Amino acid sequence: MRSTEILAYAMLQQGSKRIQNSQVLLGLTLFLLEAALDRSHHALHSPIGAWFLQPF
């Protein structure tokens, strides 16, 4: 069960649109960031950092 939700938007010339991937940290999905934040509420930070960096 996820309790964290990140809302991110990209600015466009005619407004904005919701995005699911970081435009700064290529390859980082907001889903992964949400999962890491959820885990941080229930675990030590060192194992979370290692888990978070595995895909990279």
Foldseek 3Di string as FASTA:
>chain_A
DFPDDDWDWDADPVGIDTDQADPVPPPHGVVLVSVLVVVVVPDDNVVSVVVSPVVD
